[in-house]
Amino acid sequence: MMLLEIENLMKAFGGFQATDRVNLSVEQGSLRSLIGPNGAGKTTLFNQITGYLVPDSGRVAFRGKEITGLHPYEISRKGITRAFQIINIFPRLAVVESVQLAILAKRGHTLKCFAPARRMVRDEAMAVLETVGLAERAGALARELSHGDQRVLELALALAGEPELLLLDEPMAGMSPFERVKVTELIQKLHEERKLTILFCEHDMDVVFGISERVTVLHQGRVIAEGKPEDIKKNEEVHMVYLGQSEAL
């Protein structure tokens, strides 16, 4: 079953064509990656999928129903959750409280309900933290976590929304080699154990080719290649697009 279907998606900013007739289909239960040079249109595409940008033309469908032009919160409630390139957490809340708040928000509760409801969802929040390996830091303030653990917490907040499709925008940005290994293993775990469909964009080619089932390559807003990692590695046009980075492929 195709969980996400993108057809002829176009978005321009003045004379700059950010996405140019993009077509992309993501199967349910798959682990997919989106790569391309800076300015290729990856973040713009994610913004259109999640409702932060309205396409000039084209359509986005989720579970066979069009979601083009819906508000971000409407798309999120349908089952698409995104973790951003810039860390987006609640720095002044404890780690467990952050996850509790995300659970409550998913269920439509307001902040006024947080105090009496926090006991109701604490066990659920701790279960999420166990999944991502942060249970021992549950009482720490989010801002006290390392950069890598803040990234993991953002994944926990995304999981609290019980997504069917998880979008990750540069999940390895700013991480040490050790942290990259940890988060890579976590992404694989979420995909395999939860059967979670994941689409991520990333510049770390070791991660991309190490865990992706299929890779889509964007350049100047267009899809120039798509296929299994071993096929993308051999694609001459992809090597040309990456210029001096060809050895990394």
Protein backbone atom coordinates (compact mmCIF):
# COMPACT_ATOMS: atom_id res chain seq x y z
CA MET A 1 0.00 0.00 0.00
CA MET A 2 1.27 3.50 -0.88
CA LEU A 3 1.04 5.53 2.30
CA LEU A 4 2.21 8.83 0.78
CA GLU A 5 1.75 9.88 -2.86
CA ILE A 6 3.13 13.12 -4.30
CA GLU A 7 2.19 14.10 -7.84
CA ASN A 8 3.71 16.91 -9.94
CA LEU A 9 4.38 19.09 -6.91
CA MET A 10 5.62 22.58 -7.77
CA LYS A 11 6.62 25.55 -5.61
CA ALA A 12 8.41 28.71 -6.71
CA PHE A 13 9.77 31.67 -4.75
CA GLY A 14 9.97 34.55 -7.20
CA GLY A 15 12.03 33.24 -10.10
CA PHE A 16 13.45 30.32 -8.09
CA GLN A 17 11.79 26.95 -8.71
CA ALA A 18 12.16 25.16 -5.36
CA THR A 19 10.25 22.02 -6.38
CA ASP A 20 9.70 21.20 -10.03
CA ARG A 21 7.10 18.55 -10.88
CA VAL A 22 8.16 16.27 -8.04
CA ASN A 23 6.67 12.77 -8.01
CA LEU A 24 7.29 10.50 -5.05
CA SER A 25 5.51 7.48 -3.60
CA VAL A 26 6.30 6.00 -0.17
CA GLU A 27 5.13 2.49 0.64
CA GLN A 28 3.71 1.71 4.05
CA GLY A 29 6.36 0.18 6.30
CA SER A 30 9.30 1.41 4.22
CA LEU A 31 12.47 3.25 5.25
CA ARG A 32 13.24 5.84 2.58
CA SER A 33 15.76 8.66 2.23
CA LEU A 34 15.83 11.88 0.27
CA ILE A 35 19.21 13.34 -0.68
CA GLY A 36 20.57 16.23 -2.72
CA PRO A 37 22.88 19.23 -2.51
CA ASN A 38 22.01 22.29 -0.45
CA GLY A 39 19.19 24.13 -2.21
CA ALA A 40 17.94 21.02 -3.98
CA GLY A 41 14.44 21.43 -2.53
CA LYS A 42 14.41 18.79 0.21
CA THR A 43 13.18 21.01 3.05
CA THR A 44 10.72 22.77 0.74
CA LEU A 45 9.28 19.38 -0.18
CA PHE A 46 8.95 18.43 3.51
CA ASN A 47 7.25 21.78 4.17
CA GLN A 48 4.69 21.07 1.45
CA ILE A 49 3.99 17.56 2.72
CA THR A 50 3.40 18.82 6.25
CA GLY A 51 1.36 21.90 5.36
CA TYR A 52 3.88 24.61 6.21
CA LEU A 53 3.92 25.60 2.54
CA VAL A 54 1.03 25.39 0.08
CA PRO A 55 2.14 24.07 -3.36
CA ASP A 56 1.63 26.22 -6.44
CA SER A 57 0.33 23.10 -8.18
CA GLY A 58 0.28 19.33 -7.78
CA ARG A 59 -1.13 17.20 -4.99
CA VAL A 60 -0.17 15.32 -1.85
CA ALA A 61 -2.21 12.30 -0.77
CA PHE A 62 -1.96 10.31 2.46
CA ARG A 63 -3.68 6.94 2.70
CA GLY A 64 -5.35 7.68 -0.61
CA LYS A 65 -6.92 10.97 0.53
CA GLU A 66 -5.68 14.36 -0.61
CA ILE A 67 -4.13 16.53 2.10
CA THR A 68 -2.81 19.32 -0.14
CA GLY A 69 -3.33 22.71 1.52
CA LEU A 70 -4.42 21.41 4.94
CA HIS A 71 -3.03 23.12 8.04
CA PRO A 72 -0.01 21.50 9.73
CA TYR A 73 -2.04 20.48 12.79
CA GLU A 74 -4.64 18.79 10.56
CA ILE A 75 -1.95 16.84 8.72
CA SER A 76 -0.31 15.87 12.02
CA ARG A 77 -3.59 14.50 13.36
CA LYS A 78 -3.95 12.37 10.23
CA GLY A 79 -0.72 10.57 11.15
CA ILE A 80 2.24 12.49 9.68
CA THR A 81 4.79 13.77 12.18
CA ARG A 82 7.98 15.68 11.45
CA ALA A 83 11.20 16.21 13.36
CA PHE A 84 12.88 19.42 12.23
CA GLN A 85 16.48 20.16 11.27
CA ILE A 86 16.66 22.71 14.10
CA ILE A 87 16.00 21.06 17.45
CA ASN A 88 12.43 21.75 18.57
CA ILE A 89 11.88 20.72 22.20
CA PHE A 90 10.50 22.21 25.45
CA PRO A 91 13.78 23.30 27.12
CA ARG A 92 12.31 24.29 30.49
CA LEU A 93 10.30 21.13 31.03
CA ALA A 94 11.57 17.85 32.40
CA VAL A 95 12.13 15.20 29.74
CA VAL A 96 9.13 13.14 30.84
CA GLU A 97 6.92 16.24 31.06
CA SER A 98 7.88 17.14 27.49
CA VAL A 99 6.66 13.78 26.25
CA GLN A 100 3.52 14.00 28.39
CA LEU A 101 2.71 17.37 26.85
CA ALA A 102 3.18 15.95 23.35
CA ILE A 103 0.79 13.10 24.15
CA LEU A 104 -1.82 15.50 25.52
CA ALA A 105 -1.48 17.80 22.51
CA LYS A 106 -2.06 14.86 20.17
CA ARG A 107 -5.31 14.15 22.01
CA GLY A 108 -6.48 17.75 21.74
CA HIS A 109 -5.99 18.75 25.39
CA THR A 110 -5.03 22.32 26.22
CA LEU A 111 -2.25 23.43 28.55
CA LYS A 112 -4.89 24.08 31.23
CA CYS A 113 -5.42 20.34 31.41
CA PHE A 114 -1.76 19.55 31.84
CA ALA A 115 -1.52 19.55 35.65
CA PRO A 116 -4.44 17.20 36.43
CA ALA A 117 -3.74 15.01 33.41
CA ARG A 118 0.01 14.55 33.86
CA ARG A 119 -0.49 11.51 36.12
CA MET A 120 -2.79 9.92 33.54
CA VAL A 121 -0.22 9.80 30.76
CA ARG A 122 3.00 9.45 32.74
CA ASP A 123 3.19 5.70 32.16
CA GLU A 124 2.69 6.23 28.43
CA ALA A 125 5.38 8.89 28.39
CA MET A 126 7.82 6.63 30.23
CA ALA A 127 7.11 3.84 27.73
CA VAL A 128 8.10 6.20 24.90
CA LEU A 129 11.28 7.18 26.76
CA GLU A 130 12.11 3.50 27.27
CA THR A 131 11.78 2.98 23.53
CA VAL A 132 14.28 5.74 22.70
CA GLY A 133 16.65 5.03 25.60
CA LEU A 134 15.99 8.17 27.65
CA ALA A 135 14.09 6.68 30.60
CA GLU A 136 17.02 7.25 32.97
CA ARG A 137 16.99 10.98 32.10
CA ALA A 138 13.23 11.36 32.60
CA GLY A 139 13.58 13.86 35.46
CA ALA A 140 16.27 16.00 33.84
CA LEU A 141 15.41 19.31 32.20
CA ALA A 142 15.37 19.02 28.43
CA ARG A 143 17.87 21.86 28.10
CA GLU A 144 20.38 19.91 30.22
CA LEU A 145 20.61 17.05 27.72
CA SER A 146 23.51 16.72 25.31
CA HIS A 147 22.93 17.74 21.70
CA GLY A 148 22.56 14.11 20.69
CA ASP A 149 20.09 13.33 23.47
CA GLN A 150 18.06 16.44 22.59
CA ARG A 151 17.76 14.99 19.09
CA VAL A 152 16.59 11.71 20.61
CA LEU A 153 14.08 13.60 22.77
CA GLU A 154 12.71 15.26 19.64
CA LEU A 155 12.20 11.77 18.20
CA ALA A 156 10.39 10.83 21.41
CA LEU A 157 8.10 13.85 21.02
CA ALA A 158 7.36 12.76 17.46
CA LEU A 159 6.59 9.21 18.60
CA ALA A 160 4.25 10.55 21.28
CA GLY A 161 1.97 11.60 18.44
CA GLU A 162 1.69 7.95 17.34
CA PRO A 163 2.55 8.72 13.70
CA GLU A 164 2.09 6.40 10.76
CA LEU A 165 4.66 8.37 8.76
CA LEU A 166 7.69 9.98 10.39
CA LEU A 167 9.61 12.67 8.48
CA LEU A 168 13.15 13.39 9.69
CA ASP A 169 14.93 16.51 8.42
CA GLU A 170 18.72 16.12 8.80
CA PRO A 171 18.52 13.96 11.96
CA MET A 172 22.35 13.70 12.21
CA ALA A 173 23.05 17.45 11.98
CA GLY A 174 25.70 18.58 14.47
CA MET A 175 26.22 15.13 15.99
CA SER A 176 29.45 13.45 16.98
CA PRO A 177 30.31 10.10 15.33
CA PHE A 178 29.17 8.26 18.48
CA GLU A 179 25.85 10.13 18.54
CA ARG A 180 25.28 9.42 14.83
CA VAL A 181 25.68 5.69 15.45
CA LYS A 182 23.23 5.85 18.36
CA VAL A 183 20.55 7.72 16.41
CA THR A 184 21.04 5.56 13.31
CA GLU A 185 20.44 2.44 15.39
CA LEU A 186 17.36 4.08 16.95
CA ILE A 187 15.88 4.88 13.52
CA GLN A 188 16.40 1.27 12.45
CA LYS A 189 14.84 0.04 15.69
CA LEU A 190 11.73 2.20 15.24
CA HIS A 191 11.35 1.02 11.67
CA GLU A 192 11.82 -2.68 12.42
CA GLU A 193 10.06 -3.04 15.78
CA ARG A 194 7.21 -0.57 15.26
CA LYS A 195 6.88 -1.13 11.50
CA LEU A 196 7.03 2.67 11.29
CA THR A 197 7.23 4.25 7.85
CA ILE A 198 10.13 6.72 7.79
CA LEU A 199 11.24 9.24 5.18
CA PHE A 200 14.38 11.18 6.03
CA CYS A 201 16.72 13.62 4.32
CA GLU A 202 20.37 13.49 5.29
CA HIS A 203 23.84 14.55 4.12
CA ASP A 204 25.68 11.70 5.87
CA MET A 205 26.01 9.19 3.02
CA ASP A 206 27.15 6.41 5.35
CA VAL A 207 23.80 6.67 7.13
CA VAL A 208 21.81 7.03 3.90
CA PHE A 209 23.31 4.03 2.16
CA GLY A 210 23.56 2.03 5.38
CA ILE A 211 19.87 1.92 6.31
CA SER A 212 17.75 3.12 3.36
CA GLU A 213 15.66 0.67 1.40
CA ARG A 214 15.29 3.20 -1.43
CA VAL A 215 16.90 6.56 -2.10
CA THR A 216 15.42 9.53 -3.99
CA VAL A 217 17.80 12.22 -5.30
CA LEU A 218 16.71 15.84 -5.77
CA HIS A 219 18.60 18.45 -7.76
CA GLN A 220 17.32 21.96 -8.52
CA GLY A 221 13.87 20.93 -7.36
CA ARG A 222 13.64 17.88 -9.65
CA VAL A 223 13.87 14.16 -8.95
CA ILE A 224 16.88 13.02 -10.99
CA ALA A 225 17.20 9.47 -9.68
CA GLU A 226 15.45 6.93 -7.49
CA GLY A 227 16.29 3.36 -6.60
CA LYS A 228 18.07 1.00 -4.27
CA PRO A 229 21.19 2.37 -2.56
CA GLU A 230 23.52 0.24 -4.69
CA ASP A 231 21.94 1.61 -7.88
CA ILE A 232 22.17 5.22 -6.72
CA LYS A 233 25.86 4.75 -5.92
CA LYS A 234 26.49 3.83 -9.56
CA ASN A 235 24.38 6.61 -11.08
CA GLU A 236 26.58 8.98 -13.11
CA GLU A 237 24.19 11.92 -12.90
CA VAL A 238 24.15 11.67 -9.11
CA HIS A 239 27.93 11.78 -9.09
CA MET A 240 27.87 14.89 -11.29
CA VAL A 241 25.38 16.61 -9.00
CA TYR A 242 27.55 15.99 -5.97
CA LEU A 243 30.71 17.04 -7.81
CA GLY A 244 33.61 16.75 -5.37
CA GLN A 245 31.52 14.59 -3.05
CA SER A 246 31.42 11.67 -5.48
CA GLU A 247 33.88 9.66 -3.39
CA ALA A 248 31.39 9.73 -0.50
CA LEU A 249 28.88 7.95 -2.70
